Amino acid sequence: MPAFGNSSRSHTASLDLAPDTSAPRWTHRNDTDPWYDTFPWWGVIVAVVLVVLGLLVAFNEGYNIAFDRIIPGLWLTVKATVYSFVISCVIGMVIALARTSQNVVARNLARSYVELIRGIPILVLIFTIALVIVPSVSDALGQPNRVPQEWRAIIALSLIYAGYIAEIFRAGIQSVDRGQIEAGRSLGLSRRETTRSIVLPQAIRAVVPPLGNDFIAILKDTSLLSVLGVLELTQRGRQYASGSFKFRDSYLALTFIYLTLTVVLSLLLGVVERRLSQDRKGAR
């Protein structure tokens, strides 16, 4: 069965056809392009939006009150993001190793997990894991209703993103040159030792940028945990808006908080990517 999202259309070669000169062609930017063509206008637009929202929060009483009511949920949002990311990375690594293993059972079980996660909407998975699977496992272990709602939400987000992060790790593992694996085996290393000493260090270095993108995605998707009543940023914003009927103040203040977090993380991720690219150039 093809993976979800892959194109199933067949590619056919066309013979004796002249090239279509009317179709636009993409060109790479170079130093001869005018400054206004290469200037990061998108950054200016995002900065202007942040400044406008920041001024509203700082100097408008309604927005300031909404911000003060919402910001206590920041700690829970950050906590859920970090915990979910770490747990999903551990599970995702295990699934990726299973997907690339020679064991047919492990490989198919891992593939099934990934396809199930990617084939079901995140909101449905959150409800199913937090309200069905976690309570059922808790009851089976003789600890009914002992898992707090906050941890049900973190477990749900971790299991969901483990399926996506597993594909990132799998791509990183398979990007390692086959010759290096064979060289490790020729030196007398076992398959496990080769994976641990040669494959994983290179794979982890290659997957850092996409993992950073998933970290930002998890941060934004913590807003979905509000459907479970977890008092993170979005839930606090919803509560304040429904109680005060100040929807504009509440949701624009909430937008300012999330946009600030994602912009800062995106800038940090850009610094990491540049460092990694410089290291790769220096290693050649």
Protein backbone atom coordinates (compact mmCIF):
# COMPACT_ATOMS: atom_id res chain seq x y z
CA MET A 1 0.00 0.00 0.00
CA PRO A 2 1.52 3.40 -0.88
CA ALA A 3 2.22 5.86 1.91
CA PHE A 4 -0.34 8.55 2.47
CA GLY A 5 0.38 11.68 0.50
CA ASN A 6 2.45 9.96 -2.21
CA SER A 7 1.42 10.57 -5.77
CA SER A 8 -0.06 7.54 -7.51
CA ARG A 9 0.07 9.04 -10.97
CA SER A 10 2.28 7.27 -13.47
CA HIS A 11 5.06 9.17 -15.23
CA THR A 12 5.24 8.70 -18.97
CA ALA A 13 7.96 9.92 -21.29
CA SER A 14 6.95 12.09 -24.24
CA LEU A 15 8.82 11.57 -27.54
CA ASP A 16 9.57 13.97 -30.37
CA LEU A 17 7.98 16.93 -28.60
CA ALA A 18 9.53 20.39 -28.73
CA PRO A 19 10.15 22.03 -25.37
CA ASP A 20 7.44 24.35 -24.15
CA THR A 21 9.14 27.76 -24.15
CA SER A 22 5.99 29.49 -22.94
CA ALA A 23 6.13 27.87 -19.50
CA PRO A 24 7.81 29.98 -16.80
CA ARG A 25 11.09 28.71 -15.47
CA TRP A 26 12.35 29.05 -11.91
CA THR A 27 15.72 30.72 -11.58
CA HIS A 28 18.11 30.93 -8.67
CA ARG A 29 18.70 34.26 -6.98
CA ASN A 30 22.12 35.81 -7.51
CA ASP A 31 24.02 38.97 -6.69
CA THR A 32 22.79 40.73 -9.84
CA ASP A 33 19.16 40.71 -8.70
CA PRO A 34 17.85 44.09 -7.52
CA TRP A 35 17.77 44.59 -3.75
CA TYR A 36 13.98 44.80 -3.60
CA ASP A 37 13.71 41.39 -5.24
CA THR A 38 15.84 39.64 -2.61
CA PHE A 39 14.91 41.73 0.43
CA PRO A 40 13.02 39.63 3.06
CA TRP A 41 9.76 41.54 2.91
CA TRP A 42 8.01 38.70 4.74
CA GLY A 43 10.17 39.43 7.78
CA VAL A 44 9.12 43.07 7.72
CA ILE A 45 5.45 42.10 7.56
CA VAL A 46 5.78 39.67 10.48
CA ALA A 47 7.76 42.24 12.48
CA VAL A 48 5.11 44.92 11.86
CA VAL A 49 2.34 42.56 13.01
CA LEU A 50 4.32 41.72 16.16
CA VAL A 51 5.01 45.38 16.92
CA VAL A 52 1.37 46.39 16.44
CA LEU A 53 0.12 43.57 18.67
CA GLY A 54 2.84 44.29 21.22
CA LEU A 55 1.84 47.96 21.39
CA LEU A 56 -1.80 47.00 21.88
CA VAL A 57 -0.89 44.62 24.71
CA ALA A 58 1.41 47.18 26.33
CA PHE A 59 -0.71 50.34 26.11
CA ASN A 60 -4.34 49.22 25.71
CA GLU A 61 -5.98 48.30 29.00
CA GLY A 62 -8.33 45.70 27.53
CA TYR A 63 -5.53 43.85 25.74
CA ASN A 64 -3.28 44.17 28.79
CA ILE A 65 -5.87 42.56 31.06
CA ALA A 66 -6.45 39.76 28.55
CA PHE A 67 -2.68 39.17 28.32
CA ASP A 68 -2.38 38.98 32.11
CA ARG A 69 -5.20 36.42 32.27
CA ILE A 70 -3.75 34.27 29.49
CA ILE A 71 -0.01 34.32 30.19
CA PRO A 72 -0.15 32.01 33.28
CA GLY A 73 -0.87 29.19 30.83
CA LEU A 74 2.55 29.69 29.22
CA TRP A 75 4.29 27.37 31.68
CA LEU A 76 1.91 24.51 30.94
CA THR A 77 2.24 25.10 27.18
CA VAL A 78 6.03 25.01 27.36
CA LYS A 79 5.96 21.97 29.66
CA ALA A 80 3.61 20.05 27.36
CA THR A 81 5.74 21.00 24.34
CA VAL A 82 9.06 19.90 25.83
CA TYR A 83 7.75 16.69 27.40
CA SER A 84 5.83 15.70 24.27
CA PHE A 85 8.83 16.41 22.05
CA VAL A 86 11.27 14.37 24.17
CA ILE A 87 8.89 11.41 24.54
CA SER A 88 7.95 11.44 20.85
CA CYS A 89 11.64 11.53 19.85
CA VAL A 90 12.38 8.44 21.96
CA ILE A 91 9.38 6.54 20.60
CA GLY A 92 10.02 7.81 17.08
CA MET A 93 13.62 6.58 17.16
CA VAL A 94 12.47 3.10 18.21
CA ILE A 95 9.87 3.05 15.42
CA ALA A 96 12.42 4.27 12.86
CA LEU A 97 14.88 1.54 13.84
CA ALA A 98 12.07 -1.01 13.55
CA ARG A 99 11.10 0.36 10.12
CA THR A 100 14.66 -0.06 8.84
CA SER A 101 15.26 -3.44 10.51
CA GLN A 102 15.47 -6.78 8.70
CA ASN A 103 12.77 -8.26 10.93
CA VAL A 104 9.60 -8.44 8.85
CA VAL A 105 7.30 -8.35 11.91
CA ALA A 106 8.95 -5.28 13.45
CA ARG A 107 9.08 -3.54 10.09
CA ASN A 108 5.39 -4.05 9.35
CA LEU A 109 4.24 -3.17 12.86
CA ALA A 110 6.22 0.08 12.69
CA ARG A 111 4.82 0.87 9.24
CA SER A 112 1.29 0.19 10.49
CA TYR A 113 1.75 2.58 13.40
CA VAL A 114 3.01 5.36 11.13
CA GLU A 115 0.20 4.92 8.62
CA LEU A 116 -2.48 4.84 11.32
CA ILE A 117 -1.16 8.03 12.91
CA ARG A 118 -0.90 9.83 9.57
CA GLY A 119 -4.31 8.61 8.41
CA ILE A 120 -6.37 9.92 11.35
CA PRO A 121 -6.95 13.63 12.15
CA ILE A 122 -4.96 14.89 15.14
CA LEU A 123 -8.04 16.07 17.02
CA VAL A 124 -9.66 12.64 16.72
CA LEU A 125 -6.45 10.99 17.92
CA ILE A 126 -6.26 13.31 20.93
CA PHE A 127 -9.78 12.36 22.00
CA THR A 128 -9.18 8.66 21.34
CA ILE A 129 -5.85 8.41 23.14
CA ALA A 130 -6.66 10.69 26.08
CA LEU A 131 -10.24 9.56 26.72
CA VAL A 132 -10.21 5.93 25.54
CA ILE A 133 -6.77 4.34 25.33
CA VAL A 134 -5.11 5.89 28.40
CA PRO A 135 -8.07 5.15 30.74
CA SER A 136 -8.30 1.59 29.38
CA VAL A 137 -4.61 0.94 30.01
CA SER A 138 -4.89 2.54 33.45
CA ASP A 139 -7.84 0.27 34.32
CA ALA A 140 -5.97 -2.79 33.05
CA LEU A 141 -3.05 -1.94 35.34
CA GLY A 142 -5.39 -1.66 38.33
CA GLN A 143 -5.03 2.12 38.59
CA PRO A 144 -8.38 3.50 37.38
CA ASN A 145 -8.62 7.27 36.91
CA ARG A 146 -5.10 7.81 38.26
CA VAL A 147 -3.71 9.61 35.19
CA PRO A 148 -4.23 13.40 35.41
CA GLN A 149 -5.83 15.14 32.44
CA GLU A 150 -2.63 17.08 31.84
CA TRP A 151 -0.60 13.89 31.39
CA ARG A 152 -3.30 12.33 29.22
CA ALA A 153 -2.87 15.30 26.91
CA ILE A 154 0.93 15.00 26.90
CA ILE A 155 0.76 11.25 26.21
CA ALA A 156 -1.67 11.84 23.34
CA LEU A 157 0.53 14.50 21.73
CA SER A 158 3.64 12.33 22.22
CA LEU A 159 2.13 9.25 20.58
CA ILE A 160 0.79 11.31 17.69
CA TYR A 161 4.05 13.09 16.87
CA ALA A 162 6.07 9.89 17.36
CA GLY A 163 4.61 8.71 14.05
CA TYR A 164 5.80 11.83 12.22
CA ILE A 165 9.19 12.02 13.93
CA ALA A 166 9.77 8.33 13.16
CA GLU A 167 9.67 9.18 9.45
CA ILE A 168 12.21 11.96 10.00
CA PHE A 169 14.58 9.55 11.75
CA ARG A 170 14.00 6.90 9.09
CA ALA A 171 14.92 9.35 6.34
CA GLY A 172 18.03 10.35 8.27
CA ILE A 173 19.10 6.74 8.78
CA GLN A 174 18.58 5.88 5.12
CA SER A 175 20.52 8.99 4.04
CA VAL A 176 23.75 7.55 5.46
CA ASP A 177 25.92 6.24 2.65
CA ARG A 178 25.71 2.48 2.28
CA GLY A 179 29.47 2.29 1.85
CA GLN A 180 30.06 3.54 5.39
CA ILE A 181 27.79 0.83 6.78
CA GLU A 182 29.63 -1.83 4.79
CA ALA A 183 32.96 -0.39 5.95
CA GLY A 184 31.83 -0.71 9.57
CA ARG A 185 30.80 -4.30 9.03
CA SER A 186 34.10 -5.08 7.31
CA LEU A 187 35.91 -3.82 10.43
CA GLY A 188 34.18 -6.50 12.45
CA LEU A 189 31.40 -4.38 13.94
CA SER A 190 28.06 -6.05 14.45
CA ARG A 191 24.91 -4.60 12.92
CA ARG A 192 23.95 -3.04 16.26
CA GLU A 193 27.42 -1.57 16.80
CA THR A 194 27.46 -0.19 13.26
CA THR A 195 24.09 1.45 13.80
CA ARG A 196 25.14 2.93 17.15
CA SER A 197 28.63 4.11 16.16
CA ILE A 198 28.30 5.03 12.49
CA VAL A 199 24.70 5.41 11.37
CA LEU A 200 22.97 7.18 14.26
CA PRO A 201 25.56 9.99 14.79
CA GLN A 202 25.30 11.00 11.13
CA ALA A 203 21.53 10.52 10.99
CA ILE A 204 20.90 12.66 14.08
CA ARG A 205 22.99 15.46 12.63
CA ALA A 206 20.97 15.33 9.42
CA VAL A 207 17.57 15.38 11.14
CA VAL A 208 18.16 18.32 13.49
CA PRO A 209 16.52 20.95 11.20
CA PRO A 210 13.32 18.94 10.53
CA LEU A 211 13.15 18.02 14.22
CA GLY A 212 13.27 21.72 15.01
CA ASN A 213 10.33 22.28 12.68
CA ASP A 214 8.39 19.54 14.47
CA PHE A 215 9.20 21.12 17.83
CA ILE A 216 7.55 24.33 16.63
CA ALA A 217 4.63 22.32 15.25
CA ILE A 218 4.15 20.63 18.64
CA LEU A 219 4.18 24.04 20.33
CA LYS A 220 1.37 25.22 18.08
CA ASP A 221 -0.57 21.97 18.39
CA THR A 222 -0.62 22.24 22.19
CA SER A 223 -3.51 24.62 21.50
CA LEU A 224 -5.55 21.52 20.57
CA LEU A 225 -5.19 20.28 24.15
CA SER A 226 -7.72 22.93 25.15
CA VAL A 227 -10.45 20.50 24.02
CA LEU A 228 -9.47 18.36 27.03
CA GLY A 229 -9.82 21.29 29.42
CA VAL A 230 -6.07 21.58 30.03
CA LEU A 231 -5.33 25.12 31.20
CA GLU A 232 -2.67 26.01 28.63
CA LEU A 233 -2.62 29.30 26.73
CA THR A 234 -5.54 28.65 24.38
CA GLN A 235 -7.84 27.30 27.08
CA ARG A 236 -7.15 30.32 29.29
CA GLY A 237 -7.86 32.58 26.33
CA ARG A 238 -11.14 30.79 25.65
CA GLN A 239 -12.18 31.01 29.29
CA TYR A 240 -11.45 34.73 29.50
CA ALA A 241 -13.18 35.45 26.19
CA SER A 242 -16.32 33.48 27.13
CA GLY A 243 -16.52 35.12 30.55
CA SER A 244 -15.84 38.71 29.51
CA PHE A 245 -17.13 38.60 25.90
CA LYS A 246 -13.93 40.44 24.90
CA PHE A 247 -13.12 38.13 22.03
CA ARG A 248 -10.97 40.63 20.13
CA ASP A 249 -8.80 41.43 23.15
CA SER A 250 -8.46 37.78 24.14
CA TYR A 251 -7.60 36.24 20.79
CA LEU A 252 -5.33 39.03 19.56
CA ALA A 253 -3.38 38.82 22.83
CA LEU A 254 -3.23 35.04 22.35
CA THR A 255 -2.05 35.54 18.77
CA PHE A 256 0.71 37.84 20.00
CA ILE A 257 1.97 35.24 22.50
CA TYR A 258 2.01 32.35 20.02
CA LEU A 259 3.53 34.43 17.23
CA THR A 260 6.30 35.65 19.53
CA LEU A 261 7.12 32.10 20.60
CA THR A 262 7.18 30.70 17.07
CA VAL A 263 9.21 33.58 15.63
CA VAL A 264 11.84 33.28 18.37
CA LEU A 265 12.06 29.50 17.88
CA SER A 266 12.26 29.91 14.10
CA LEU A 267 15.16 32.36 14.45
CA LEU A 268 16.99 29.97 16.78
CA LEU A 269 16.38 27.11 14.35
CA GLY A 270 17.83 29.23 11.55
CA VAL A 271 20.99 29.81 13.59
CA VAL A 272 21.34 26.05 14.23
CA GLU A 273 20.86 25.25 10.53
CA ARG A 274 23.54 27.78 9.53
CA ARG A 275 25.94 26.32 12.09
CA LEU A 276 25.35 22.82 10.77
CA SER A 277 25.80 23.90 7.14
CA GLN A 278 29.08 25.65 8.02
CA ASP A 279 30.31 22.52 9.79
CA ARG A 280 29.48 20.41 6.75
CA LYS A 281 31.36 22.83 4.46
CA GLY A 282 34.35 22.79 6.78
CA ALA A 283 34.37 19.02 6.86
CA ARG A 284 34.79 18.74 3.10
